[in-house]
Amino acid sequence: MFFHFQLCIDCEKAGMHLLLAGCNDKVLRTLECSGIRNHLSDQQVFVTVHDAVCYAEHNMDRKNSMVWV
């Protein structure tokens, strides 16, 4: 679990926006209980991958951004 927490912190420090999609209830509860959810805004958690990609494409800096799915 520490790795996932550190990943969120490292992404924030590097200016990357971590987006999660398709998480089931168990995953969302685990994120909440572990404190990782505190590092994610509501705009970073999506029901579908399509929703996450549409958000990323709409909000990214097109010159300096890359979307990984």
Protein backbone atom coordinates (compact mmCIF):
# COMPACT_ATOMS: atom_id res chain seq x y z
CA MET A 1 0.00 0.00 0.00
CA PHE A 2 2.92 2.34 0.71
CA PHE A 3 3.94 2.14 -2.95
CA HIS A 4 0.54 3.42 -4.08
CA PHE A 5 0.61 6.25 -1.55
CA GLN A 6 4.12 7.23 -2.66
CA LEU A 7 3.04 7.06 -6.30
CA CYS A 8 0.34 9.68 -5.64
CA ILE A 9 2.82 11.96 -3.89
CA ASP A 10 5.47 11.54 -6.61
CA CYS A 11 2.93 12.30 -9.34
CA GLU A 12 1.87 15.48 -7.54
CA LYS A 13 5.48 16.61 -7.14
CA ALA A 14 6.22 15.96 -10.81
CA GLY A 15 3.17 17.94 -11.91
CA MET A 16 1.42 14.84 -13.24
CA HIS A 17 -2.29 14.32 -12.76
CA LEU A 18 -3.16 10.78 -11.79
CA LEU A 19 -6.60 9.74 -13.03
CA LEU A 20 -8.39 6.60 -11.87
CA ALA A 21 -11.19 4.93 -13.80
CA GLY A 22 -13.41 1.91 -13.39
CA CYS A 23 -12.71 1.40 -9.68
CA ASN A 24 -15.16 -0.92 -7.96
CA ASP A 25 -16.56 -0.27 -4.48
CA LYS A 26 -13.88 -2.36 -2.78
CA VAL A 27 -11.08 -0.39 -4.45
CA LEU A 28 -12.71 2.93 -3.58
CA ARG A 29 -13.09 1.84 0.08
CA THR A 30 -9.44 0.75 0.17
CA LEU A 31 -8.34 4.11 -1.23
CA GLU A 32 -10.44 5.86 1.39
CA CYS A 33 -9.24 3.74 4.33
CA SER A 34 -5.58 3.99 3.31
CA GLY A 35 -5.67 7.77 3.02
CA ILE A 36 -4.77 7.75 -0.66
CA ARG A 37 -8.16 9.23 -1.50
CA ASN A 38 -7.10 12.38 0.40
CA HIS A 39 -4.55 13.00 -2.36
CA LEU A 40 -7.11 12.66 -5.15
CA SER A 41 -9.77 15.21 -5.98
CA ASP A 42 -13.21 14.21 -7.23
CA GLN A 43 -12.05 15.27 -10.69
CA GLN A 44 -9.45 12.47 -10.67
CA VAL A 45 -11.81 9.52 -10.18
CA PHE A 46 -14.01 8.41 -13.09
CA VAL A 47 -16.60 5.72 -13.70
CA THR A 48 -15.19 4.78 -17.11
CA VAL A 49 -11.85 5.03 -18.89
CA HIS A 50 -13.61 6.96 -21.64
CA ASP A 51 -14.69 9.61 -19.13
CA ALA A 52 -11.14 9.91 -17.81
CA VAL A 53 -9.66 10.24 -21.30
CA CYS A 54 -12.22 12.88 -22.31
CA TYR A 55 -11.40 14.84 -19.14
CA ALA A 56 -7.66 14.54 -19.77
CA GLU A 57 -7.92 15.62 -23.39
CA HIS A 58 -10.08 18.58 -22.48
CA ASN A 59 -7.88 19.77 -19.60
CA MET A 60 -4.32 18.99 -20.62
CA ASP A 61 -1.67 21.37 -21.88
CA ARG A 62 -1.39 20.11 -25.44
CA LYS A 63 2.24 21.22 -25.85
CA ASN A 64 3.70 19.47 -22.81
CA SER A 65 1.32 16.65 -21.93
CA MET A 66 0.99 12.98 -22.55
CA VAL A 67 -2.00 10.80 -21.73
CA TRP A 68 -1.31 7.23 -20.61
CA VAL A 69 -4.22 4.84 -20.33
